[in-house]
Amino acid sequence: MRKRSSGTSTGRSSGSPRRTSPCRQPTAWRTSRYRRSIASSTPCGRQSDRQTNVQEQHVNTITHWIDNRPYASTSSRRGPVYEPASGEQSAQVAFAAAEDVDRAVASAVRAYPGWRETSLSRRQQILFEYRELVNRHKQDMARAVTLEHGKTLPDALGEINRGPEVVEFACNIAHLLKGEYSENVSTGVDTWTVRQP
């Protein structure tokens, strides 16, 4: 009489090696939007590698800011910018050449006389407008801090919320630029101070 084996049949002998698909991916132990693609490290990840290479070719380039407008560097040197949270490259920064530095310095020299002649009230208006821009774009600035420093979004937003306090202090500092006048600091002596510019 033939003995019936218990359990279900697997269709293969117990001694035969277990076959696995080369495209099978390991289980991810972490769920995050910053998680790297696992497929790129497997034999079937070649298509993902090609996609990654295409993305790297179109990576965002951080340029300079001169004369109140974006300025493309004359240097061909670039440096990678990484996201601390994921370790992945998020952008590249254009390094400056000596010519770019000279242009930035020349721009500041040209702007100084006009700012020197700007009245205190106009300076305050500019700073107040800057404060409004900071308050209006808090979320955008917080996201930028998160990408650059790896902070959580609530922590970055708390840091941004402290920024307007510094700006408001700068808005009122114009009163300290008016100078001072004191009478009779000594017998027949008056003093005054004039701040320049």
Protein backbone atom coordinates (compact mmCIF):
# COMPACT_ATOMS: atom_id res chain seq x y z
CA MET A 1 0.00 0.00 0.00
CA ARG A 2 1.37 3.43 -0.96
CA LYS A 3 1.80 5.85 1.90
CA ARG A 4 0.16 9.23 1.34
CA SER A 5 2.30 12.21 2.30
CA SER A 6 0.77 14.97 4.38
CA GLY A 7 0.70 18.63 3.33
CA THR A 8 0.56 20.19 -0.10
CA SER A 9 2.78 19.40 -3.00
CA THR A 10 5.24 22.06 -4.16
CA GLY A 11 5.80 20.50 -7.54
CA ARG A 12 9.55 20.12 -6.93
CA SER A 13 11.73 17.78 -4.94
CA SER A 14 12.93 18.85 -1.51
CA GLY A 15 16.52 18.68 -2.59
CA SER A 16 16.23 20.95 -5.61
CA PRO A 17 17.47 24.55 -5.16
CA ARG A 18 14.90 27.29 -4.78
CA ARG A 19 14.67 29.47 -7.87
CA THR A 20 14.35 33.18 -7.44
CA SER A 21 13.67 35.83 -10.03
CA PRO A 22 16.62 38.15 -10.71
CA CYS A 23 14.13 41.03 -10.81
CA ARG A 24 12.80 40.35 -7.35
CA GLN A 25 13.45 43.32 -5.10
CA PRO A 26 14.15 43.17 -1.37
CA THR A 27 11.50 44.50 0.96
CA ALA A 28 12.03 48.15 1.86
CA TRP A 29 12.35 48.71 5.60
CA ARG A 30 11.76 52.42 5.46
CA THR A 31 8.97 54.40 3.88
CA SER A 32 9.96 57.91 2.98
CA ARG A 33 9.64 60.16 -0.01
CA TYR A 34 13.42 60.54 0.19
CA ARG A 35 13.98 56.74 -0.18
CA ARG A 36 16.35 55.79 -2.95
CA SER A 37 15.22 53.51 -5.73
CA ILE A 38 16.09 49.89 -4.93
CA ALA A 39 15.72 48.83 -8.56
CA SER A 40 18.86 50.70 -9.52
CA SER A 41 20.97 48.22 -7.53
CA THR A 42 19.41 45.08 -9.07
CA PRO A 43 20.10 43.42 -12.45
CA CYS A 44 16.72 44.67 -13.66
CA GLY A 45 17.48 48.22 -12.58
CA ARG A 46 19.26 49.19 -15.79
CA GLN A 47 16.27 51.13 -17.05
CA SER A 48 16.14 52.98 -13.72
CA ASP A 49 19.85 53.76 -14.08
CA ARG A 50 19.24 55.25 -17.51
CA GLN A 51 16.40 57.34 -16.12
CA THR A 52 18.64 58.53 -13.28
CA ASN A 53 21.35 59.53 -15.76
CA VAL A 54 18.80 61.53 -17.76
CA GLN A 55 17.64 63.28 -14.58
CA GLU A 56 21.21 64.12 -13.64
CA GLN A 57 21.72 65.73 -17.04
CA HIS A 58 18.79 68.07 -16.31
CA VAL A 59 19.71 68.86 -12.70
CA ASN A 60 18.95 72.42 -11.59
CA THR A 61 21.93 74.80 -11.66
CA ILE A 62 22.22 77.48 -8.98
CA THR A 63 23.63 80.62 -10.57
CA HIS A 64 24.87 83.91 -9.17
CA TRP A 65 22.89 87.11 -8.53
CA ILE A 66 24.56 90.31 -9.73
CA ASP A 67 23.03 93.67 -10.70
CA ASN A 68 19.64 92.55 -9.35
CA ARG A 69 19.33 89.69 -11.84
CA PRO A 70 20.53 86.09 -12.30
CA TYR A 71 24.04 85.94 -13.68
CA ALA A 72 25.59 82.92 -15.41
CA SER A 73 29.14 82.25 -14.29
CA THR A 74 31.92 82.46 -16.84
CA SER A 75 33.53 79.44 -15.19
CA SER A 76 32.70 75.92 -16.35
CA ARG A 77 33.34 74.47 -12.88
CA ARG A 78 30.33 73.08 -11.04
CA GLY A 79 29.82 71.61 -7.59
CA PRO A 80 27.12 69.13 -6.53
CA VAL A 81 24.49 70.07 -3.95
CA TYR A 82 23.12 67.21 -1.85
CA GLU A 83 19.98 66.81 0.25
CA PRO A 84 21.14 65.88 3.78
CA ALA A 85 17.95 63.87 4.38
CA SER A 86 18.53 61.49 1.47
CA GLY A 87 22.15 62.00 0.42
CA GLU A 88 20.99 62.43 -3.17
CA GLN A 89 22.12 65.25 -5.43
CA SER A 90 19.39 67.85 -5.77
CA ALA A 91 21.20 70.55 -7.75
CA GLN A 92 24.58 71.89 -8.78
CA VAL A 93 26.13 75.26 -8.03
CA ALA A 94 28.13 77.27 -10.53
CA PHE A 95 31.53 78.27 -9.16
CA ALA A 96 32.66 81.84 -9.68
CA ALA A 97 35.68 82.90 -11.67
CA ALA A 98 37.80 85.95 -10.86
CA GLU A 99 35.91 87.87 -13.54
CA ASP A 100 32.59 87.12 -11.82
CA VAL A 101 33.89 88.36 -8.46
CA ASP A 102 35.16 91.58 -10.06
CA ARG A 103 31.76 92.15 -11.65
CA ALA A 104 29.97 91.70 -8.30
CA VAL A 105 32.34 94.13 -6.57
CA ALA A 106 31.93 96.69 -9.36
CA SER A 107 28.14 96.41 -9.04
CA ALA A 108 28.34 97.11 -5.30
CA VAL A 109 30.59 100.12 -5.89
CA ARG A 110 28.09 101.57 -8.37
CA ALA A 111 25.15 101.00 -6.01
CA TYR A 112 26.75 102.56 -2.94
CA PRO A 113 26.41 106.28 -3.83
CA GLY A 114 22.70 105.92 -4.52
CA TRP A 115 22.08 104.08 -1.27
CA ARG A 116 24.14 106.65 0.61
CA GLU A 117 21.84 109.41 -0.62
CA THR A 118 18.67 107.44 0.19
CA SER A 119 16.66 109.04 2.98
CA LEU A 120 16.01 107.23 6.26
CA SER A 121 12.27 107.06 5.58
CA ARG A 122 12.87 105.41 2.20
CA ARG A 123 15.25 102.89 3.78
CA GLN A 124 12.57 102.01 6.29
CA GLN A 125 10.05 101.50 3.50
CA ILE A 126 12.39 99.09 1.75
CA LEU A 127 12.92 97.08 4.93
CA PHE A 128 9.18 96.97 5.65
CA GLU A 129 8.56 95.71 2.12
CA TYR A 130 11.19 93.04 2.72
CA ARG A 131 9.43 92.02 5.93
CA GLU A 132 6.17 91.59 4.02
CA LEU A 133 7.92 89.39 1.47
CA VAL A 134 9.33 87.20 4.25
CA ASN A 135 5.90 86.79 5.85
CA ARG A 136 4.29 86.04 2.49
CA HIS A 137 6.76 83.32 1.53
CA LYS A 138 7.33 81.58 4.87
CA GLN A 139 6.28 78.17 3.58
CA ASP A 140 8.56 78.41 0.54
CA MET A 141 11.51 79.46 2.69
CA ALA A 142 10.84 76.66 5.18
CA ARG A 143 10.88 74.09 2.38
CA ALA A 144 14.18 75.51 1.15
CA VAL A 145 15.70 75.18 4.64
CA THR A 146 14.46 71.58 4.83
CA LEU A 147 16.07 70.68 1.51
CA GLU A 148 19.35 72.43 2.29
CA HIS A 149 19.83 71.45 5.95
CA GLY A 150 17.75 68.30 6.41
CA LYS A 151 15.53 69.81 9.10
CA THR A 152 11.94 68.74 9.56
CA LEU A 153 9.43 71.14 8.04
CA PRO A 154 7.96 72.27 11.42
CA ASP A 155 11.46 72.97 12.76
CA ALA A 156 12.38 74.91 9.63
CA LEU A 157 9.14 76.90 9.82
CA GLY A 158 9.88 77.81 13.44
CA GLU A 159 13.27 79.13 12.38
CA ILE A 160 11.69 81.20 9.60
CA ASN A 161 9.11 82.62 12.03
CA ARG A 162 11.94 84.09 14.11
CA GLY A 163 13.37 85.86 11.08
CA PRO A 164 10.83 88.73 10.90
CA GLU A 165 11.80 89.73 14.45
CA VAL A 166 15.30 90.57 13.22
CA VAL A 167 13.87 92.41 10.21
CA GLU A 168 11.54 94.46 12.42
CA PHE A 169 14.48 95.46 14.60
CA ALA A 170 16.32 96.59 11.47
CA CYS A 171 13.25 98.59 10.42
CA ASN A 172 13.51 100.67 13.59
CA ILE A 173 17.27 101.05 13.60
CA ALA A 174 17.03 104.02 11.23
CA HIS A 175 16.17 106.20 14.23
CA LEU A 176 19.66 105.53 15.59
CA LEU A 177 21.21 107.07 12.48
CA LYS A 178 19.92 110.58 13.20
CA GLY A 179 22.75 111.50 15.50
CA GLU A 180 22.49 113.19 18.89
CA TYR A 181 22.57 116.70 20.33
CA SER A 182 23.33 117.55 23.94
CA GLU A 183 23.24 121.02 25.53
CA ASN A 184 25.47 122.29 28.33
CA VAL A 185 27.56 119.17 28.69
CA SER A 186 30.02 121.59 30.23
CA THR A 187 30.09 125.32 30.85
CA GLY A 188 29.14 126.93 27.55
CA VAL A 189 29.70 123.67 25.68
CA ASP A 190 27.15 121.87 23.53
CA THR A 191 27.89 118.63 21.65
CA TRP A 192 26.37 116.92 18.66
CA THR A 193 27.13 113.87 16.57
CA VAL A 194 26.63 113.46 12.85
CA ARG A 195 26.48 109.93 11.41
CA GLN A 196 27.73 109.32 7.90
CA PRO A 197 26.71 108.13 5.46
